[in-house]
Amino acid sequence: MKHQKLHKISIMAILGLEKSFIERNYTFLNCKIENGILYCYGSYQPCEFSVKYDYRIKYNGLSKPNVQIRSPKIGYDDNIHMYPNDNSLCLFHSSDLVWSSKSHLFDTIIPWTHEWFVFYEIYKITGKWEHPFVPHINGEKKDV
């Protein structure tokens, strides 16, 4: 019981620290901790001619963060680096950009999310994902 209580406190400390880092670096994001989960809501418009993307980051302090586009609705497509089970964004892979338990959202996930929107805008024009990536097959990554 004592170990569980310490573990819960440390997770809440991690989430509080992440929330603090984000609020200090991204004033346009609205963050809250609810039921042991950090939620951050924001918008990003890659350029003046693109749409504004509303997104949500969900992070429990243990697992990799989950980033979903709230609007506009973007359907799953293997070519645009989303996961088919929940349409969350595929932002990193162990062969290039890496997320670990020592990473912080403010200097990894948030910039990577904004970069994803830039490359999505390019994809809408060219029909090709121009950023280096690990190919997907029906939502599963395959080695190249």
Protein backbone atom coordinates (compact mmCIF):
# COMPACT_ATOMS: atom_id res chain seq x y z
CA MET A 1 0.00 0.00 0.00
CA LYS A 2 2.80 2.41 0.89
CA HIS A 3 4.51 1.76 -2.49
CA GLN A 4 1.28 2.40 -4.40
CA LYS A 5 0.76 5.72 -2.62
CA LEU A 6 4.33 6.87 -3.40
CA HIS A 7 3.93 5.74 -7.01
CA LYS A 8 0.69 7.72 -7.39
CA ILE A 9 2.30 10.82 -5.90
CA SER A 10 5.26 10.59 -8.28
CA ILE A 11 2.95 10.28 -11.31
CA MET A 12 1.04 13.35 -10.16
CA ALA A 13 4.37 15.17 -9.72
CA ILE A 14 5.38 14.21 -13.27
CA LEU A 15 2.06 15.44 -14.66
CA GLY A 16 2.29 18.66 -12.66
CA LEU A 17 5.82 19.28 -13.91
CA GLU A 18 4.79 18.63 -17.52
CA LYS A 19 1.81 20.96 -17.15
CA SER A 20 4.09 23.66 -15.72
CA PHE A 21 6.63 23.30 -18.57
CA ILE A 22 3.88 23.49 -21.18
CA GLU A 23 2.17 26.51 -19.64
CA ARG A 24 5.50 28.31 -19.40
CA ASN A 25 6.40 27.63 -23.05
CA TYR A 26 3.01 27.55 -24.83
CA THR A 27 0.54 30.08 -23.51
CA PHE A 28 -1.99 29.15 -26.21
CA LEU A 29 -2.42 25.62 -24.80
CA ASN A 30 -5.04 24.96 -22.17
CA CYS A 31 -3.94 22.16 -19.82
CA LYS A 32 -5.64 20.37 -16.96
CA ILE A 33 -4.99 17.28 -14.89
CA GLU A 34 -8.08 15.17 -14.41
CA ASN A 35 -8.25 11.69 -12.86
CA GLY A 36 -4.49 11.22 -13.12
CA ILE A 37 -4.30 12.26 -16.79
CA LEU A 38 -2.87 15.44 -18.26
CA TYR A 39 -4.99 16.88 -21.06
CA CYS A 40 -3.75 19.75 -23.21
CA TYR A 41 -5.95 21.43 -25.79
CA GLY A 42 -4.65 23.72 -28.47
CA SER A 43 -4.85 24.97 -32.02
CA TYR A 44 -2.25 25.40 -34.69
CA GLN A 45 -2.40 26.96 -38.14
CA PRO A 46 0.74 26.10 -40.15
CA CYS A 47 0.35 29.07 -42.49
CA GLU A 48 -2.13 31.81 -43.26
CA PHE A 49 -3.63 29.77 -46.14
CA SER A 50 -4.14 26.55 -44.20
CA VAL A 51 -6.96 25.52 -41.92
CA LYS A 52 -6.58 25.78 -38.17
CA TYR A 53 -6.13 22.40 -36.51
CA ASP A 54 -7.58 21.85 -33.04
CA TYR A 55 -5.90 19.04 -31.16
CA ARG A 56 -5.72 17.30 -27.81
CA ILE A 57 -2.75 15.73 -26.08
CA LYS A 58 -3.50 13.06 -23.49
CA TYR A 59 -0.71 11.87 -21.20
CA ASN A 60 -0.80 9.62 -18.15
CA GLY A 61 2.85 10.05 -17.14
CA LEU A 62 3.72 6.42 -17.93
CA SER A 63 2.76 5.61 -21.52
CA LYS A 64 3.57 7.50 -24.68
CA PRO A 65 1.38 10.58 -25.17
CA ASN A 66 -1.66 10.34 -27.41
CA VAL A 67 -2.33 13.23 -29.81
CA GLN A 68 -5.63 13.47 -31.63
CA ILE A 69 -6.99 16.06 -34.03
CA ARG A 70 -10.33 17.35 -32.81
CA SER A 71 -11.08 19.36 -35.95
CA PRO A 72 -11.14 19.25 -38.85
CA LYS A 73 -11.95 15.56 -39.00
CA ILE A 74 -9.21 13.64 -40.81
CA GLY A 75 -9.96 10.02 -41.67
CA TYR A 76 -7.38 7.30 -41.24
CA ASP A 77 -4.95 6.80 -44.13
CA ASP A 78 -1.79 4.67 -43.98
CA ASN A 79 0.06 7.39 -45.89
CA ILE A 80 -0.40 10.21 -43.39
CA HIS A 81 0.99 8.58 -40.27
CA MET A 82 -1.94 8.03 -38.01
CA TYR A 83 -2.85 4.99 -35.98
CA PRO A 84 -5.98 3.22 -37.25
CA ASN A 85 -7.38 2.23 -33.87
CA ASP A 86 -8.04 5.82 -32.73
CA ASN A 87 -6.72 8.14 -35.49
CA SER A 88 -4.03 9.45 -33.13
CA LEU A 89 -0.95 10.95 -34.74
CA CYS A 90 2.16 8.89 -35.40
CA LEU A 91 4.86 11.36 -34.35
CA PHE A 92 7.95 9.27 -33.68
CA HIS A 93 9.70 5.98 -34.19
CA SER A 94 12.66 4.40 -32.43
CA SER A 95 14.76 4.75 -35.59
CA ASP A 96 14.58 8.56 -35.66
CA LEU A 97 12.61 10.72 -33.23
CA VAL A 98 12.33 8.89 -29.94
CA TRP A 99 9.96 9.32 -27.03
CA SER A 100 11.06 8.00 -23.65
CA SER A 101 9.92 8.35 -20.06
CA LYS A 102 12.63 11.02 -19.69
CA SER A 103 11.19 13.15 -22.52
CA HIS A 104 9.08 16.23 -21.94
CA LEU A 105 5.99 17.13 -23.92
CA PHE A 106 6.94 20.79 -24.41
CA ASP A 107 10.12 20.10 -26.38
CA THR A 108 9.12 16.91 -28.20
CA ILE A 109 5.44 16.09 -28.63
CA ILE A 110 4.17 19.66 -29.11
CA PRO A 111 6.76 20.68 -31.76
CA TRP A 112 6.39 17.27 -33.43
CA THR A 113 2.61 17.75 -33.55
CA HIS A 114 2.97 21.15 -35.18
CA GLU A 115 5.47 19.71 -37.64
CA TRP A 116 2.99 16.91 -38.45
CA PHE A 117 0.44 19.59 -39.45
CA VAL A 118 2.97 21.25 -41.77
CA PHE A 119 3.71 17.95 -43.49
CA TYR A 120 0.00 17.14 -43.70
CA GLU A 121 -0.55 20.44 -45.52
CA ILE A 122 2.24 19.50 -47.95
CA TYR A 123 0.69 16.03 -48.35
CA LYS A 124 -2.64 17.60 -49.32
CA ILE A 125 -0.82 19.38 -52.17
CA THR A 126 1.59 16.68 -53.35
CA GLY A 127 -0.16 13.45 -52.32
CA LYS A 128 3.10 12.27 -50.75
CA TRP A 129 4.28 12.33 -47.15
CA GLU A 130 7.47 14.38 -47.55
CA HIS A 131 8.89 13.93 -44.04
CA PRO A 132 11.20 10.94 -43.45
CA PHE A 133 9.16 8.10 -42.01
CA VAL A 134 8.88 4.41 -41.30
CA PRO A 135 6.25 2.99 -43.71
CA HIS A 136 2.99 1.65 -42.37
CA ILE A 137 0.96 -1.29 -43.61
CA ASN A 138 -2.64 -1.15 -42.37
CA GLY A 139 -1.60 0.75 -39.29
CA GLU A 140 1.40 -1.42 -38.45
CA LYS A 141 4.91 -0.11 -38.97
CA LYS A 142 7.27 -2.17 -41.08
CA ASP A 143 11.06 -1.99 -41.17
CA VAL A 144 12.71 -0.40 -44.20
